[in-house]
Amino acid sequence: MIKSELIQRLAIKQPHLRHDDVDLAVTLLLNQLINELASGGRVEIRGFGAFSLKHYKTRLGRNPRTGEIVSVPQRYGVHFKPGGDMKARANASASDYKIIY
């Protein structure tokens, strides 16, 4: 699902709200989440999960094209840990599908 699909589905489920209002609410929510992470904070949504930053130290890597060893600078990545309700629902729906190899 992409952002526009989320907005469309929410607008359908909430017919008393204008589409522009739903778009604004989703955009503000996502911007607040991004701003909190950018300032080094953590965002937890009960039942859904928690977003936090993970620090990756400087390391030596390899250029896959040339094989040359290069220095990869330190960086931060976003880490998501799903909540209990999300895990339970995902596992329940995943058990309905058979994986064929």
N, C-alpha and C. Protein backbone atom coordinates (compact mmCIF):
# COMPACT_ATOMS: atom_id res chain seq x y z
N MET A 1 0.85 -1.17 0.00
CA MET A 1 0.00 0.00 0.00
C MET A 1 0.89 1.23 0.00
N ILE A 2 0.53 2.19 -0.81
CA ILE A 2 1.25 3.45 -0.83
C ILE A 2 0.40 4.53 -0.15
N LYS A 3 1.02 5.68 0.09
CA LYS A 3 0.36 6.73 0.86
C LYS A 3 -0.99 7.13 0.26
N SER A 4 -1.06 7.29 -1.06
CA SER A 4 -2.32 7.71 -1.69
C SER A 4 -3.41 6.66 -1.52
N GLU A 5 -3.04 5.37 -1.53
CA GLU A 5 -4.03 4.31 -1.29
C GLU A 5 -4.53 4.35 0.14
N LEU A 6 -3.63 4.60 1.09
CA LEU A 6 -4.03 4.72 2.49
C LEU A 6 -5.02 5.86 2.67
N ILE A 7 -4.71 6.99 2.08
CA ILE A 7 -5.59 8.16 2.18
C ILE A 7 -6.95 7.85 1.56
N GLN A 8 -6.94 7.20 0.42
CA GLN A 8 -8.20 6.86 -0.26
C GLN A 8 -9.05 5.91 0.59
N ARG A 9 -8.43 4.88 1.16
CA ARG A 9 -9.18 3.92 1.98
C ARG A 9 -9.74 4.58 3.24
N LEU A 10 -8.93 5.44 3.87
CA LEU A 10 -9.41 6.13 5.07
C LEU A 10 -10.56 7.07 4.73
N ALA A 11 -10.47 7.76 3.59
CA ALA A 11 -11.54 8.67 3.18
C ALA A 11 -12.83 7.91 2.90
N ILE A 12 -12.73 6.71 2.35
CA ILE A 12 -13.92 5.90 2.09
C ILE A 12 -14.56 5.45 3.41
N LYS A 13 -13.72 5.06 4.38
CA LYS A 13 -14.24 4.58 5.66
C LYS A 13 -14.77 5.72 6.54
N GLN A 14 -14.37 6.95 6.25
CA GLN A 14 -14.81 8.11 7.02
C GLN A 14 -15.49 9.11 6.08
N PRO A 15 -16.69 8.79 5.59
CA PRO A 15 -17.32 9.65 4.58
C PRO A 15 -17.68 11.06 5.09
N HIS A 16 -17.72 11.24 6.39
CA HIS A 16 -18.02 12.56 6.93
C HIS A 16 -16.82 13.51 6.85
N LEU A 17 -15.64 12.98 6.52
CA LEU A 17 -14.44 13.81 6.38
C LEU A 17 -14.16 14.05 4.90
N ARG A 18 -13.72 15.26 4.58
CA ARG A 18 -13.31 15.57 3.21
C ARG A 18 -12.00 14.86 2.89
N HIS A 19 -11.81 14.53 1.64
CA HIS A 19 -10.59 13.85 1.19
C HIS A 19 -9.36 14.68 1.54
N ASP A 20 -9.44 16.00 1.37
CA ASP A 20 -8.31 16.88 1.68
C ASP A 20 -7.96 16.84 3.17
N ASP A 21 -8.96 16.71 4.03
CA ASP A 21 -8.72 16.64 5.47
C ASP A 21 -8.01 15.34 5.85
N VAL A 22 -8.42 14.24 5.22
CA VAL A 22 -7.77 12.96 5.47
C VAL A 22 -6.32 13.01 4.98
N ASP A 23 -6.11 13.60 3.81
CA ASP A 23 -4.76 13.76 3.26
C ASP A 23 -3.90 14.57 4.22
N LEU A 24 -4.43 15.67 4.73
CA LEU A 24 -3.69 16.51 5.66
C LEU A 24 -3.35 15.75 6.95
N ALA A 25 -4.30 14.99 7.47
CA ALA A 25 -4.07 14.24 8.72
C ALA A 25 -2.97 13.20 8.54
N VAL A 26 -3.01 12.46 7.44
CA VAL A 26 -1.98 11.45 7.19
C VAL A 26 -0.62 12.11 6.99
N THR A 27 -0.58 13.19 6.24
CA THR A 27 0.67 13.90 6.00
C THR A 27 1.26 14.44 7.29
N LEU A 28 0.42 15.04 8.14
CA LEU A 28 0.89 15.58 9.42
C LEU A 28 1.41 14.46 10.33
N LEU A 29 0.72 13.34 10.36
CA LEU A 29 1.15 12.20 11.18
C LEU A 29 2.52 11.70 10.73
N LEU A 30 2.68 11.51 9.43
CA LEU A 30 3.96 11.01 8.91
C LEU A 30 5.08 12.03 9.12
N ASN A 31 4.77 13.31 8.93
CA ASN A 31 5.80 14.34 9.16
C ASN A 31 6.22 14.40 10.61
N GLN A 32 5.27 14.23 11.53
CA GLN A 32 5.61 14.24 12.96
C GLN A 32 6.50 13.04 13.30
N LEU A 33 6.18 11.89 12.74
CA LEU A 33 6.98 10.69 12.95
C LEU A 33 8.41 10.92 12.44
N ILE A 34 8.54 11.47 11.23
CA ILE A 34 9.85 11.74 10.65
C ILE A 34 10.62 12.75 11.49
N ASN A 35 9.96 13.82 11.92
CA ASN A 35 10.63 14.85 12.72
C ASN A 35 11.13 14.29 14.05
N GLU A 36 10.33 13.44 14.68
CA GLU A 36 10.74 12.85 15.96
C GLU A 36 11.96 11.95 15.77
N LEU A 37 11.96 11.15 14.73
CA LEU A 37 13.12 10.29 14.45
C LEU A 37 14.35 11.12 14.09
N ALA A 38 14.15 12.17 13.31
CA ALA A 38 15.26 13.03 12.90
C ALA A 38 15.92 13.72 14.10
N SER A 39 15.14 13.97 15.15
CA SER A 39 15.71 14.60 16.34
C SER A 39 16.26 13.57 17.33
N GLY A 40 16.30 12.30 16.91
CA GLY A 40 16.89 11.26 17.75
C GLY A 40 15.90 10.57 18.67
N GLY A 41 14.63 10.88 18.53
CA GLY A 41 13.61 10.30 19.40
C GLY A 41 13.14 8.94 18.93
N ARG A 42 12.14 8.44 19.62
CA ARG A 42 11.55 7.12 19.35
C ARG A 42 10.04 7.32 19.29
N VAL A 43 9.38 6.61 18.37
CA VAL A 43 7.94 6.71 18.24
C VAL A 43 7.34 5.35 18.49
N GLU A 44 6.43 5.26 19.46
CA GLU A 44 5.77 4.00 19.77
C GLU A 44 4.27 4.17 19.60
N ILE A 45 3.67 3.29 18.82
CA ILE A 45 2.23 3.27 18.62
C ILE A 45 1.76 1.93 19.16
N ARG A 46 1.10 1.95 20.31
CA ARG A 46 0.68 0.72 20.99
C ARG A 46 -0.13 -0.18 20.06
N GLY A 47 0.22 -1.46 20.06
CA GLY A 47 -0.46 -2.43 19.23
C GLY A 47 0.07 -2.49 17.81
N PHE A 48 0.72 -1.43 17.35
CA PHE A 48 1.26 -1.38 16.00
C PHE A 48 2.74 -1.67 16.00
N GLY A 49 3.52 -0.84 16.72
CA GLY A 49 4.96 -1.06 16.78
C GLY A 49 5.69 0.18 17.20
N ALA A 50 7.02 0.08 17.15
CA ALA A 50 7.87 1.19 17.57
C ALA A 50 8.94 1.45 16.51
N PHE A 51 9.15 2.74 16.23
CA PHE A 51 10.18 3.17 15.31
C PHE A 51 11.31 3.78 16.13
N SER A 52 12.54 3.42 15.79
CA SER A 52 13.69 4.02 16.45
C SER A 52 14.84 4.07 15.46
N LEU A 53 15.91 4.74 15.86
CA LEU A 53 17.08 4.83 15.00
C LEU A 53 18.11 3.79 15.41
N LYS A 54 18.77 3.22 14.43
CA LYS A 54 19.84 2.28 14.69
C LYS A 54 21.11 2.88 14.11
N HIS A 55 22.17 2.91 14.92
CA HIS A 55 23.44 3.49 14.49
C HIS A 55 24.31 2.42 13.85
N TYR A 56 24.82 2.73 12.68
CA TYR A 56 25.76 1.84 11.99
C TYR A 56 27.12 2.52 12.02
N LYS A 57 28.13 1.84 12.56
CA LYS A 57 29.47 2.40 12.68
C LYS A 57 30.18 2.43 11.34
N THR A 58 31.23 3.23 11.27
CA THR A 58 32.08 3.26 10.09
C THR A 58 32.68 1.87 9.90
N ARG A 59 32.71 1.43 8.65
CA ARG A 59 33.26 0.10 8.38
C ARG A 59 33.91 0.09 7.01
N LEU A 60 34.66 -0.97 6.77
CA LEU A 60 35.24 -1.17 5.45
C LEU A 60 34.29 -2.03 4.64
N GLY A 61 34.04 -1.60 3.42
CA GLY A 61 33.19 -2.35 2.52
C GLY A 61 33.93 -2.61 1.22
N ARG A 62 33.24 -3.23 0.30
CA ARG A 62 33.85 -3.54 -0.97
C ARG A 62 32.95 -3.07 -2.10
N ASN A 63 33.55 -2.39 -3.08
CA ASN A 63 32.82 -1.98 -4.26
C ASN A 63 32.53 -3.24 -5.08
N PRO A 64 31.27 -3.60 -5.27
CA PRO A 64 30.96 -4.85 -5.95
C PRO A 64 31.38 -4.87 -7.42
N ARG A 65 31.49 -3.72 -8.02
CA ARG A 65 31.86 -3.66 -9.44
C ARG A 65 33.35 -3.85 -9.65
N THR A 66 34.16 -3.17 -8.80
CA THR A 66 35.61 -3.22 -8.99
C THR A 66 36.33 -4.11 -7.98
N GLY A 67 35.66 -4.42 -6.87
CA GLY A 67 36.29 -5.21 -5.82
C GLY A 67 37.17 -4.38 -4.91
N GLU A 68 37.25 -3.09 -5.16
CA GLU A 68 38.09 -2.19 -4.38
C GLU A 68 37.51 -2.03 -2.97
N ILE A 69 38.38 -1.99 -1.96
CA ILE A 69 37.95 -1.78 -0.58
C ILE A 69 37.73 -0.28 -0.37
N VAL A 70 36.56 0.06 0.18
CA VAL A 70 36.20 1.45 0.42
C VAL A 70 35.72 1.61 1.85
N SER A 71 35.84 2.83 2.35
CA SER A 71 35.36 3.13 3.69
C SER A 71 33.89 3.56 3.60
N VAL A 72 33.04 2.90 4.36
CA VAL A 72 31.62 3.24 4.41
C VAL A 72 31.41 4.07 5.68
N PRO A 73 30.98 5.35 5.52
CA PRO A 73 30.85 6.22 6.70
C PRO A 73 29.74 5.76 7.64
N GLN A 74 29.81 6.25 8.88
CA GLN A 74 28.76 5.94 9.84
C GLN A 74 27.44 6.53 9.36
N ARG A 75 26.36 5.91 9.77
CA ARG A 75 25.04 6.39 9.38
C ARG A 75 24.00 5.87 10.36
N TYR A 76 22.81 6.38 10.21
CA TYR A 76 21.67 5.92 11.00
C TYR A 76 20.64 5.32 10.05
N GLY A 77 19.98 4.28 10.50
CA GLY A 77 18.90 3.66 9.76
C GLY A 77 17.68 3.57 10.67
N VAL A 78 16.51 3.54 10.07
CA VAL A 78 15.28 3.44 10.85
C VAL A 78 15.00 1.98 11.15
N HIS A 79 14.74 1.69 12.41
CA HIS A 79 14.45 0.33 12.85
C HIS A 79 12.99 0.28 13.28
N PHE A 80 12.27 -0.75 12.84
CA PHE A 80 10.87 -0.92 13.23
C PHE A 80 10.73 -2.25 13.96
N LYS A 81 10.11 -2.19 15.13
CA LYS A 81 9.83 -3.40 15.90
C LYS A 81 8.31 -3.51 16.01
N PRO A 82 7.71 -4.53 15.39
CA PRO A 82 6.26 -4.65 15.43
C PRO A 82 5.74 -4.93 16.83
N GLY A 83 4.54 -4.43 17.11
CA GLY A 83 3.90 -4.64 18.40
C GLY A 83 3.24 -6.02 18.47
N GLY A 84 2.80 -6.39 19.63
CA GLY A 84 2.20 -7.70 19.86
C GLY A 84 0.96 -7.96 19.02
N ASP A 85 0.07 -6.97 18.94
CA ASP A 85 -1.15 -7.14 18.14
C ASP A 85 -0.82 -7.34 16.67
N MET A 86 0.15 -6.57 16.17
CA MET A 86 0.52 -6.70 14.76
C MET A 86 1.12 -8.07 14.48
N LYS A 87 1.99 -8.53 15.37
CA LYS A 87 2.59 -9.86 15.20
C LYS A 87 1.52 -10.94 15.18
N ALA A 88 0.58 -10.85 16.11
CA ALA A 88 -0.48 -11.87 16.20
C ALA A 88 -1.34 -11.89 14.94
N ARG A 89 -1.72 -10.71 14.46
CA ARG A 89 -2.55 -10.66 13.25
C ARG A 89 -1.79 -11.12 12.02
N ALA A 90 -0.51 -10.76 11.94
CA ALA A 90 0.31 -11.18 10.80
C ALA A 90 0.50 -12.69 10.80
N ASN A 91 0.74 -13.25 11.98
CA ASN A 91 0.93 -14.70 12.06
C ASN A 91 -0.37 -15.45 11.77
N ALA A 92 -1.49 -14.91 12.21
CA ALA A 92 -2.78 -15.55 11.96
C ALA A 92 -3.10 -15.54 10.48
N SER A 93 -2.85 -14.41 9.80
CA SER A 93 -3.16 -14.34 8.37
C SER A 93 -2.13 -15.10 7.55
N ALA A 94 -0.88 -15.14 8.01
CA ALA A 94 0.15 -15.87 7.28
C ALA A 94 -0.09 -17.37 7.34
N SER A 95 -0.71 -17.84 8.41
CA SER A 95 -0.94 -19.28 8.52
C SER A 95 -2.05 -19.76 7.56
N ASP A 96 -2.82 -18.78 7.00
CA ASP A 96 -3.85 -19.12 6.03
C ASP A 96 -3.28 -19.43 4.65
N TYR A 97 -2.03 -19.02 4.42
CA TYR A 97 -1.41 -19.20 3.13
C TYR A 97 -0.39 -20.33 3.18
N LYS A 98 -0.36 -21.12 2.13
CA LYS A 98 0.64 -22.18 2.03
C LYS A 98 1.79 -21.68 1.18
N ILE A 99 2.98 -21.82 1.70
CA ILE A 99 4.16 -21.39 0.95
C ILE A 99 4.67 -22.58 0.16
N ILE A 100 4.78 -22.40 -1.14
CA ILE A 100 5.24 -23.46 -2.03
C ILE A 100 6.61 -23.08 -2.55
N TYR A 101 7.58 -23.98 -2.38
CA TYR A 101 8.92 -23.73 -2.87
C TYR A 101 9.20 -24.55 -4.09
